[in-house]
């Protein structure tokens, strides 16, 4: 069975994408959130980032050809912007850390 044929993989990918899209839509109003709302938003973003990191690690560790091809395509795509998957996560974390520091002030 292909990596992408797994019902668990499909469900997690769908849920992750939906949760991310909903959070991005909500984030368009981030500036209007009170301090507690901003903290909650950041916590939810960190949770999604961790889920995404785990999901990508599954691709990386899978011996399935399609999973490996997907990882290579992602690396190639990110490489066009001078990024790697790790740098992408580092940038996302730096952004969240900056957001956290702004609400502490």
C-alpha atoms as a PDB file:
ATOM      1  CA  UNK A   1       0.000   0.000   0.000  1.00  0.00           C
ATOM      2  CA  UNK A   2       1.252   3.447  -0.895  1.00  0.00           C
ATOM      3  CA  UNK A   3       1.952   5.950   1.855  1.00  0.00           C
ATOM      4  CA  UNK A   4      -0.867   8.126   0.559  1.00  0.00           C
ATOM      5  CA  UNK A   5      -3.308   5.212   0.374  1.00  0.00           C
ATOM      6  CA  UNK A   6      -3.282   4.917   4.150  1.00  0.00           C
ATOM      7  CA  UNK A   7      -6.565   6.113   5.611  1.00  0.00           C
ATOM      8  CA  UNK A   8      -4.721   7.393   8.680  1.00  0.00           C
ATOM      9  CA  UNK A   9      -2.352   9.468   6.541  1.00  0.00           C
ATOM     10  CA  UNK A  10      -5.242  10.854   4.511  1.00  0.00           C
ATOM     11  CA  UNK A  11      -7.238  11.737   7.627  1.00  0.00           C
ATOM     12  CA  UNK A  12      -4.298  13.438   9.321  1.00  0.00           C
ATOM     13  CA  UNK A  13      -3.377  15.359   6.172  1.00  0.00           C
ATOM     14  CA  UNK A  14      -6.965  16.541   5.740  1.00  0.00           C
ATOM     15  CA  UNK A  15      -7.347  17.493   9.401  1.00  0.00           C
ATOM     16  CA  UNK A  16      -3.979  19.260   9.462  1.00  0.00           C
ATOM     17  CA  UNK A  17      -4.802  21.236   6.318  1.00  0.00           C
ATOM     18  CA  UNK A  18      -8.273  22.183   7.584  1.00  0.00           C
ATOM     19  CA  UNK A  19      -6.970  23.241  10.985  1.00  0.00           C
ATOM     20  CA  UNK A  20      -4.191  25.279   9.395  1.00  0.00           C
ATOM     21  CA  UNK A  21      -6.568  26.997   6.956  1.00  0.00           C
ATOM     22  CA  UNK A  22      -9.014  27.834   9.757  1.00  0.00           C
ATOM     23  CA  UNK A  23      -6.222  29.252  11.901  1.00  0.00           C
ATOM     24  CA  UNK A  24      -4.867  31.319   9.004  1.00  0.00           C
ATOM     25  CA  UNK A  25      -8.336  32.724   8.378  1.00  0.00           C
ATOM     26  CA  UNK A  26      -8.698  33.535  12.066  1.00  0.00           C
ATOM     27  CA  UNK A  27      -5.207  35.059  12.048  1.00  0.00           C
ATOM     28  CA  UNK A  28      -6.342  37.790   9.687  1.00  0.00           C
ATOM     29  CA  UNK A  29      -7.961  39.346  12.773  1.00  0.00           C
ATOM     30  CA  UNK A  30      -4.955  38.748  15.041  1.00  0.00           C
ATOM     31  CA  UNK A  31      -4.386  42.480  15.579  1.00  0.00           C
ATOM     32  CA  UNK A  32      -7.860  42.787  17.087  1.00  0.00           C
ATOM     33  CA  UNK A  33      -7.348  39.976  19.609  1.00  0.00           C
ATOM     34  CA  UNK A  34      -6.899  40.775  23.270  1.00  0.00           C
ATOM     35  CA  UNK A  35      -3.820  39.420  25.034  1.00  0.00           C
ATOM     36  CA  UNK A  36      -5.444  36.106  25.977  1.00  0.00           C
ATOM     37  CA  UNK A  37      -6.716  35.647  22.432  1.00  0.00           C
ATOM     38  CA  UNK A  38      -3.236  36.226  21.060  1.00  0.00           C
ATOM     39  CA  UNK A  39      -1.759  33.721  23.516  1.00  0.00           C
ATOM     40  CA  UNK A  40      -4.338  31.130  22.507  1.00  0.00           C
ATOM     41  CA  UNK A  41      -3.691  31.764  18.813  1.00  0.00           C
ATOM     42  CA  UNK A  42       0.061  31.318  19.290  1.00  0.00           C
ATOM     43  CA  UNK A  43      -0.473  28.102  21.256  1.00  0.00           C
ATOM     44  CA  UNK A  44      -2.676  26.725  18.497  1.00  0.00           C
ATOM     45  CA  UNK A  45      -0.088  27.665  15.864  1.00  0.00           C
ATOM     46  CA  UNK A  46       2.617  25.888  17.862  1.00  0.00           C
ATOM     47  CA  UNK A  47       0.410  22.817  18.089  1.00  0.00           C
ATOM     48  CA  UNK A  48      -0.190  22.791  14.338  1.00  0.00           C
ATOM     49  CA  UNK A  49       3.527  23.301  13.697  1.00  0.00           C
ATOM     50  CA  UNK A  50       4.335  20.289  15.850  1.00  0.00           C
ATOM     51  CA  UNK A  51       1.731  18.169  14.079  1.00  0.00           C
ATOM     52  CA  UNK A  52       3.169  19.294  10.731  1.00  0.00           C
ATOM     53  CA  UNK A  53       6.699  18.500  11.883  1.00  0.00           C
ATOM     54  CA  UNK A  54       5.613  14.968  12.886  1.00  0.00           C
ATOM     55  CA  UNK A  55       3.725  14.513   9.622  1.00  0.00           C
ATOM     56  CA  UNK A  56       6.780  15.529   7.608  1.00  0.00           C
ATOM     57  CA  UNK A  57       8.985  13.205   9.670  1.00  0.00           C
ATOM     58  CA  UNK A  58       6.710  10.345   8.631  1.00  0.00           C
ATOM     59  CA  UNK A  59       7.391  11.240   4.992  1.00  0.00           C
ATOM     60  CA  UNK A  60      11.090  11.397   5.672  1.00  0.00           C
ATOM     61  CA  UNK A  61      11.219   8.026   7.427  1.00  0.00           C
ATOM     62  CA  UNK A  62       8.898   6.216   5.050  1.00  0.00           C
ATOM     63  CA  UNK A  63      10.433   3.875   2.526  1.00  0.00           C
ATOM     64  CA  UNK A  64       7.483   4.456   0.202  1.00  0.00           C
ATOM     65  CA  UNK A  65       8.546   5.899  -3.145  1.00  0.00           C
ATOM     66  CA  UNK A  66       5.745   8.471  -3.276  1.00  0.00           C
ATOM     67  CA  UNK A  67       6.541   9.719   0.226  1.00  0.00           C
ATOM     68  CA  UNK A  68      10.223  10.055  -0.664  1.00  0.00           C
ATOM     69  CA  UNK A  69       9.340  11.810  -3.915  1.00  0.00           C
ATOM     70  CA  UNK A  70       7.090  14.229  -2.033  1.00  0.00           C
ATOM     71  CA  UNK A  71       9.900  15.061   0.392  1.00  0.00           C
ATOM     72  CA  UNK A  72      12.308  15.654  -2.466  1.00  0.00           C
ATOM     73  CA  UNK A  73       9.802  17.901  -4.210  1.00  0.00           C
ATOM     74  CA  UNK A  74       9.302  19.882  -1.005  1.00  0.00           C
ATOM     75  CA  UNK A  75      13.047  20.245  -0.540  1.00  0.00           C
ATOM     76  CA  UNK A  76      13.434  21.358  -4.151  1.00  0.00           C
ATOM     77  CA  UNK A  77      10.602  23.858  -3.835  1.00  0.00           C
ATOM     78  CA  UNK A  78      11.947  25.291  -0.580  1.00  0.00           C
ATOM     79  CA  UNK A  79      15.457  25.296  -2.033  1.00  0.00           C
ATOM     80  CA  UNK A  80      14.299  27.726  -4.706  1.00  0.00           C
ATOM     81  CA  UNK A  81      13.808  30.202  -1.861  1.00  0.00           C
ATOM     82  CA  UNK A  82      17.058  29.310  -0.131  1.00  0.00           C
ATOM     83  CA  UNK A  83      15.200  27.275   2.479  1.00  0.00           C
ATOM     84  CA  UNK A  84      15.238  23.768   3.876  1.00  0.00           C
ATOM     85  CA  UNK A  85      12.427  22.126   5.850  1.00  0.00           C
ATOM     86  CA  UNK A  86      14.385  22.800   9.047  1.00  0.00           C
ATOM     87  CA  UNK A  87      14.914  26.454   8.148  1.00  0.00           C
ATOM     88  CA  UNK A  88      11.199  26.728   7.394  1.00  0.00           C
ATOM     89  CA  UNK A  89      10.331  25.451  10.870  1.00  0.00           C
ATOM     90  CA  UNK A  90      13.005  27.662  12.420  1.00  0.00           C
ATOM     91  CA  UNK A  91      11.534  30.723  10.673  1.00  0.00           C
ATOM     92  CA  UNK A  92       8.042  29.813  11.811  1.00  0.00           C
ATOM     93  CA  UNK A  93       9.282  29.397  15.385  1.00  0.00           C
ATOM     94  CA  UNK A  94      11.127  32.729  15.268  1.00  0.00           C
ATOM     95  CA  UNK A  95       7.909  34.406  14.149  1.00  0.00           C
ATOM     96  CA  UNK A  96       5.945  32.810  16.980  1.00  0.00           C
ATOM     97  CA  UNK A  97       8.664  33.730  19.486  1.00  0.00           C
ATOM     98  CA  UNK A  98       8.498  37.338  18.294  1.00  0.00           C
ATOM     99  CA  UNK A  99       4.720  37.300  18.615  1.00  0.00           C
ATOM    100  CA  UNK A 100       5.075  35.949  22.169  1.00  0.00           C
ATOM    101  CA  UNK A 101       7.538  38.682  23.113  1.00  0.00           C
ATOM    102  CA  UNK A 102       5.214  41.358  21.750  1.00  0.00           C
ATOM    103  CA  UNK A 103       2.348  40.262  23.976  1.00  0.00           C
ATOM    104  CA  UNK A 104       4.595  40.178  27.056  1.00  0.00           C
ATOM    105  CA  UNK A 105       5.471  43.861  26.678  1.00  0.00           C
END
